[in-house]
Amino acid sequence: MPPQELLATPRWRRTGDTRFPIAATVDGRSWVLRLNRFPDHPLWTLFVDGDRRFDIDDTPPTWGKPLDKTAPPLDATTAAEALAPVRDFVAYGSEVGDPCDNMFCCG
């Protein structure tokens, strides 16, 4: 059975952060997408309430286009609150205690 998040329809908002550029609130939970160094790593990692859910290369059709420039921005306070739980997880794998240390993709 696929993760339930793949069936959701998030309304993405821009965060202003290059590594975590997009966030949404879905059913009262905070979603944040980390943009990874593709193709060395999967394109995206989804965090829900600060916890890693899964990696994904192709977003499901119900997710629309997360990097759509027409997505409205979050205000600075809301963006900071959304990003606070994931701020230390910039490097791919850091959220599971195995951060990528390759200087060409994550260094």
N, C-alpha and C. Protein backbone atom coordinates (compact mmCIF):
# COMPACT_ATOMS: atom_id res chain seq x y z
N MET A 1 0.84 -1.18 0.00
CA MET A 1 0.00 0.00 0.00
C MET A 1 0.90 1.25 0.00
N PRO A 2 0.65 2.18 -0.90
CA PRO A 2 1.48 3.40 -0.97
C PRO A 2 1.23 4.28 0.25
N PRO A 3 2.22 5.10 0.60
CA PRO A 3 2.01 6.04 1.71
C PRO A 3 0.81 6.94 1.44
N GLN A 4 0.04 7.23 2.47
CA GLN A 4 -1.18 8.04 2.33
C GLN A 4 -0.89 9.43 1.78
N GLU A 5 0.32 9.93 2.04
CA GLU A 5 0.68 11.27 1.56
C GLU A 5 0.65 11.37 0.04
N LEU A 6 0.85 10.26 -0.65
CA LEU A 6 0.85 10.29 -2.12
C LEU A 6 -0.53 10.61 -2.69
N LEU A 7 -1.57 10.45 -1.88
CA LEU A 7 -2.93 10.71 -2.34
C LEU A 7 -3.44 12.09 -1.94
N ALA A 8 -2.67 12.80 -1.15
CA ALA A 8 -3.09 14.12 -0.66
C ALA A 8 -2.97 15.18 -1.76
N THR A 9 -3.61 16.30 -1.51
CA THR A 9 -3.56 17.44 -2.43
C THR A 9 -3.05 18.67 -1.67
N PRO A 10 -1.73 18.74 -1.45
CA PRO A 10 -1.19 19.88 -0.71
C PRO A 10 -1.28 21.18 -1.50
N ARG A 11 -1.46 22.26 -0.78
CA ARG A 11 -1.40 23.60 -1.37
C ARG A 11 -0.05 24.17 -0.99
N TRP A 12 0.91 24.03 -1.89
CA TRP A 12 2.28 24.42 -1.61
C TRP A 12 2.43 25.92 -1.47
N ARG A 13 3.33 26.30 -0.57
CA ARG A 13 3.69 27.70 -0.37
C ARG A 13 5.21 27.80 -0.36
N ARG A 14 5.75 28.85 -0.92
CA ARG A 14 7.20 29.04 -0.96
C ARG A 14 7.70 29.49 0.41
N THR A 15 8.86 28.94 0.81
CA THR A 15 9.42 29.27 2.13
C THR A 15 10.52 30.33 2.06
N GLY A 16 11.13 30.51 0.88
CA GLY A 16 12.26 31.41 0.74
C GLY A 16 13.59 30.74 1.06
N ASP A 17 13.58 29.46 1.34
CA ASP A 17 14.79 28.70 1.66
C ASP A 17 15.17 27.84 0.45
N THR A 18 16.44 27.86 0.06
CA THR A 18 16.83 27.11 -1.14
C THR A 18 16.83 25.60 -0.94
N ARG A 19 17.14 25.11 0.24
CA ARG A 19 17.17 23.66 0.48
C ARG A 19 15.81 23.10 0.85
N PHE A 20 14.97 23.90 1.50
CA PHE A 20 13.61 23.51 1.88
C PHE A 20 12.67 24.55 1.27
N PRO A 21 12.52 24.52 -0.05
CA PRO A 21 11.86 25.65 -0.72
C PRO A 21 10.34 25.69 -0.63
N ILE A 22 9.73 24.61 -0.16
CA ILE A 22 8.28 24.55 -0.27
C ILE A 22 7.69 23.84 0.95
N ALA A 23 6.53 24.31 1.38
CA ALA A 23 5.87 23.73 2.53
C ALA A 23 4.36 23.80 2.33
N ALA A 24 3.66 23.02 3.11
CA ALA A 24 2.19 23.03 3.07
C ALA A 24 1.67 22.56 4.42
N THR A 25 0.44 22.89 4.69
CA THR A 25 -0.26 22.33 5.84
C THR A 25 -1.32 21.40 5.27
N VAL A 26 -1.26 20.13 5.66
CA VAL A 26 -2.19 19.12 5.16
C VAL A 26 -2.83 18.44 6.37
N ASP A 27 -4.14 18.55 6.47
CA ASP A 27 -4.87 17.96 7.60
C ASP A 27 -4.26 18.36 8.94
N GLY A 28 -3.85 19.63 9.06
CA GLY A 28 -3.30 20.14 10.30
C GLY A 28 -1.86 19.76 10.57
N ARG A 29 -1.22 19.09 9.62
CA ARG A 29 0.17 18.68 9.78
C ARG A 29 1.06 19.49 8.85
N SER A 30 2.27 19.79 9.32
CA SER A 30 3.22 20.57 8.55
C SER A 30 4.03 19.67 7.63
N TRP A 31 3.96 19.96 6.34
CA TRP A 31 4.75 19.25 5.33
C TRP A 31 5.85 20.18 4.85
N VAL A 32 7.06 19.64 4.71
CA VAL A 32 8.18 20.39 4.14
C VAL A 32 8.89 19.47 3.16
N LEU A 33 9.20 19.99 1.99
CA LEU A 33 9.98 19.24 1.01
C LEU A 33 11.41 19.76 1.00
N ARG A 34 12.36 18.84 1.14
CA ARG A 34 13.78 19.20 0.98
C ARG A 34 14.15 18.89 -0.46
N LEU A 35 14.78 19.83 -1.12
CA LEU A 35 15.30 19.65 -2.46
C LEU A 35 16.70 19.09 -2.34
N ASN A 36 16.88 17.84 -2.78
CA ASN A 36 18.17 17.16 -2.66
C ASN A 36 19.02 17.38 -3.91
N ARG A 37 20.26 16.97 -3.83
CA ARG A 37 21.19 17.09 -4.96
C ARG A 37 20.98 15.93 -5.92
N PHE A 38 20.02 16.09 -6.80
CA PHE A 38 19.68 15.12 -7.83
C PHE A 38 20.71 15.22 -8.94
N PRO A 39 21.19 14.16 -9.54
CA PRO A 39 20.79 12.76 -9.46
C PRO A 39 21.57 11.94 -8.45
N ASP A 40 22.45 12.55 -7.65
CA ASP A 40 23.19 11.79 -6.65
C ASP A 40 22.26 11.24 -5.56
N HIS A 41 21.16 11.92 -5.33
CA HIS A 41 20.18 11.53 -4.33
C HIS A 41 18.79 11.70 -4.94
N PRO A 42 17.76 11.12 -4.32
CA PRO A 42 16.41 11.38 -4.81
C PRO A 42 16.13 12.88 -4.84
N LEU A 43 15.27 13.30 -5.75
CA LEU A 43 15.00 14.73 -5.93
C LEU A 43 14.46 15.38 -4.66
N TRP A 44 13.51 14.74 -4.00
CA TRP A 44 12.84 15.31 -2.83
C TRP A 44 12.89 14.36 -1.64
N THR A 45 12.86 14.94 -0.44
CA THR A 45 12.55 14.20 0.78
C THR A 45 11.39 14.93 1.44
N LEU A 46 10.34 14.16 1.77
CA LEU A 46 9.17 14.73 2.45
C LEU A 46 9.32 14.56 3.95
N PHE A 47 9.14 15.68 4.67
CA PHE A 47 9.10 15.68 6.12
C PHE A 47 7.68 16.07 6.54
N VAL A 48 7.12 15.34 7.47
CA VAL A 48 5.81 15.66 8.02
C VAL A 48 5.99 15.90 9.52
N ASP A 49 5.64 17.09 9.98
CA ASP A 49 5.85 17.49 11.37
C ASP A 49 7.28 17.21 11.82
N GLY A 50 8.24 17.44 10.92
CA GLY A 50 9.65 17.30 11.24
C GLY A 50 10.22 15.91 11.10
N ASP A 51 9.37 14.93 10.82
CA ASP A 51 9.82 13.54 10.66
C ASP A 51 9.92 13.18 9.18
N ARG A 52 11.01 12.52 8.81
CA ARG A 52 11.17 12.07 7.43
C ARG A 52 10.13 11.00 7.13
N ARG A 53 9.41 11.19 6.02
CA ARG A 53 8.43 10.19 5.59
C ARG A 53 9.01 9.31 4.48
N PHE A 54 9.49 9.93 3.39
CA PHE A 54 10.06 9.17 2.29
C PHE A 54 10.74 10.09 1.30
N ASP A 55 11.55 9.47 0.43
CA ASP A 55 12.19 10.16 -0.69
C ASP A 55 11.35 9.91 -1.93
N ILE A 56 11.44 10.83 -2.86
CA ILE A 56 10.66 10.70 -4.10
C ILE A 56 11.36 11.47 -5.22
N ASP A 57 11.32 10.89 -6.41
CA ASP A 57 11.87 11.57 -7.59
C ASP A 57 10.78 12.27 -8.39
N ASP A 58 9.65 11.62 -8.53
CA ASP A 58 8.53 12.18 -9.29
C ASP A 58 7.37 12.44 -8.34
N THR A 59 6.94 13.69 -8.28
CA THR A 59 5.82 13.99 -7.41
C THR A 59 4.53 13.45 -8.02
N PRO A 60 3.63 12.97 -7.16
CA PRO A 60 2.35 12.46 -7.68
C PRO A 60 1.53 13.58 -8.31
N PRO A 61 0.66 13.24 -9.24
CA PRO A 61 -0.15 14.26 -9.90
C PRO A 61 -0.96 15.12 -8.93
N THR A 62 -1.40 14.55 -7.82
CA THR A 62 -2.21 15.32 -6.86
C THR A 62 -1.40 16.40 -6.16
N TRP A 63 -0.06 16.33 -6.24
CA TRP A 63 0.80 17.31 -5.59
C TRP A 63 1.03 18.54 -6.45
N GLY A 64 0.62 18.50 -7.70
CA GLY A 64 0.87 19.63 -8.58
C GLY A 64 2.36 19.78 -8.84
N LYS A 65 2.79 21.02 -9.02
CA LYS A 65 4.21 21.32 -9.28
C LYS A 65 4.76 22.09 -8.08
N PRO A 66 5.47 21.39 -7.19
CA PRO A 66 5.93 22.07 -5.98
C PRO A 66 6.77 23.32 -6.22
N LEU A 67 7.57 23.34 -7.26
CA LEU A 67 8.43 24.51 -7.50
C LEU A 67 7.78 25.58 -8.38
N ASP A 68 6.48 25.51 -8.52
CA ASP A 68 5.76 26.49 -9.32
C ASP A 68 6.00 27.89 -8.75
N LYS A 69 6.53 28.76 -9.56
CA LYS A 69 6.86 30.12 -9.13
C LYS A 69 5.62 30.93 -8.74
N THR A 70 4.44 30.46 -9.13
CA THR A 70 3.22 31.19 -8.79
C THR A 70 2.68 30.79 -7.42
N ALA A 71 3.31 29.80 -6.77
CA ALA A 71 2.87 29.43 -5.41
C ALA A 71 3.08 30.63 -4.50
N PRO A 72 2.11 30.93 -3.68
CA PRO A 72 2.27 32.10 -2.81
C PRO A 72 3.34 31.84 -1.74
N PRO A 73 3.99 32.90 -1.29
CA PRO A 73 5.00 32.74 -0.24
C PRO A 73 4.36 32.66 1.14
N LEU A 74 5.05 31.97 2.03
CA LEU A 74 4.68 32.02 3.44
C LEU A 74 5.25 33.30 4.04
N ASP A 75 4.58 33.84 5.03
CA ASP A 75 5.18 34.98 5.72
C ASP A 75 6.39 34.46 6.50
N ALA A 76 7.31 35.34 6.84
CA ALA A 76 8.58 34.96 7.45
C ALA A 76 8.41 34.16 8.74
N THR A 77 7.46 34.53 9.57
CA THR A 77 7.25 33.84 10.84
C THR A 77 6.75 32.42 10.61
N THR A 78 5.78 32.26 9.74
CA THR A 78 5.23 30.93 9.45
C THR A 78 6.27 30.05 8.78
N ALA A 79 7.07 30.62 7.88
CA ALA A 79 8.13 29.84 7.23
C ALA A 79 9.15 29.38 8.26
N ALA A 80 9.54 30.25 9.18
CA ALA A 80 10.50 29.88 10.22
C ALA A 80 9.95 28.77 11.10
N GLU A 81 8.68 28.83 11.43
CA GLU A 81 8.05 27.78 12.25
C GLU A 81 8.01 26.45 11.49
N ALA A 82 7.69 26.49 10.21
CA ALA A 82 7.62 25.27 9.41
C ALA A 82 9.00 24.62 9.25
N LEU A 83 10.04 25.45 9.13
CA LEU A 83 11.38 24.93 8.88
C LEU A 83 12.15 24.59 10.15
N ALA A 84 11.73 25.08 11.29
CA ALA A 84 12.47 24.84 12.53
C ALA A 84 12.76 23.36 12.80
N PRO A 85 11.79 22.45 12.64
CA PRO A 85 12.07 21.04 12.95
C PRO A 85 13.03 20.35 11.97
N VAL A 86 13.22 20.92 10.78
CA VAL A 86 14.06 20.26 9.77
C VAL A 86 15.36 21.02 9.50
N ARG A 87 15.56 22.14 10.14
CA ARG A 87 16.69 23.02 9.86
C ARG A 87 18.03 22.30 9.92
N ASP A 88 18.19 21.31 10.80
CA ASP A 88 19.46 20.59 10.94
C ASP A 88 19.62 19.46 9.93
N PHE A 89 18.65 19.26 9.06
CA PHE A 89 18.67 18.14 8.11
C PHE A 89 18.95 18.59 6.68
N VAL A 90 19.88 19.51 6.52
CA VAL A 90 20.20 20.03 5.19
C VAL A 90 20.86 18.96 4.33
N ALA A 91 21.82 18.23 4.87
CA ALA A 91 22.52 17.20 4.09
C ALA A 91 21.64 15.96 3.95
N TYR A 92 21.61 15.40 2.76
CA TYR A 92 20.84 14.18 2.53
C TYR A 92 21.28 13.10 3.53
N GLY A 93 20.34 12.45 4.16
CA GLY A 93 20.64 11.38 5.11
C GLY A 93 20.85 11.85 6.54
N SER A 94 20.99 13.14 6.76
CA SER A 94 21.24 13.64 8.11
C SER A 94 20.08 13.33 9.05
N GLU A 95 18.88 13.25 8.50
CA GLU A 95 17.70 12.97 9.31
C GLU A 95 17.67 11.55 9.86
N VAL A 96 18.51 10.66 9.32
CA VAL A 96 18.60 9.28 9.82
C VAL A 96 19.98 9.01 10.41
N GLY A 97 20.74 10.07 10.69
CA GLY A 97 22.04 9.94 11.32
C GLY A 97 23.17 9.53 10.40
N ASP A 98 22.96 9.63 9.08
CA ASP A 98 23.98 9.26 8.11
C ASP A 98 24.10 10.34 7.03
N PRO A 99 24.56 11.55 7.42
CA PRO A 99 24.59 12.64 6.44
C PRO A 99 25.61 12.39 5.32
N CYS A 100 25.23 12.74 4.13
CA CYS A 100 26.12 12.65 2.98
C CYS A 100 27.28 13.63 3.21
N ASP A 101 28.49 13.14 3.02
CA ASP A 101 29.65 14.02 3.19
C ASP A 101 30.44 14.18 1.90
N ASN A 102 29.82 13.86 0.78
CA ASN A 102 30.46 14.03 -0.51
C ASN A 102 30.52 15.52 -0.82
N MET A 103 31.72 16.04 -0.97
CA MET A 103 31.88 17.48 -1.19
C MET A 103 31.27 17.97 -2.50
N PHE A 104 31.02 17.07 -3.45
CA PHE A 104 30.46 17.48 -4.74
C PHE A 104 28.95 17.57 -4.74
N CYS A 105 28.29 16.82 -3.85
CA CYS A 105 26.82 16.92 -3.86
C CYS A 105 26.26 17.54 -2.59
N CYS A 106 26.88 17.30 -1.47
CA CYS A 106 26.31 17.82 -0.21
C CYS A 106 27.30 18.65 0.59
N GLY A 107 28.53 18.76 0.15
CA GLY A 107 29.54 19.43 0.95
C GLY A 107 29.62 20.86 0.76
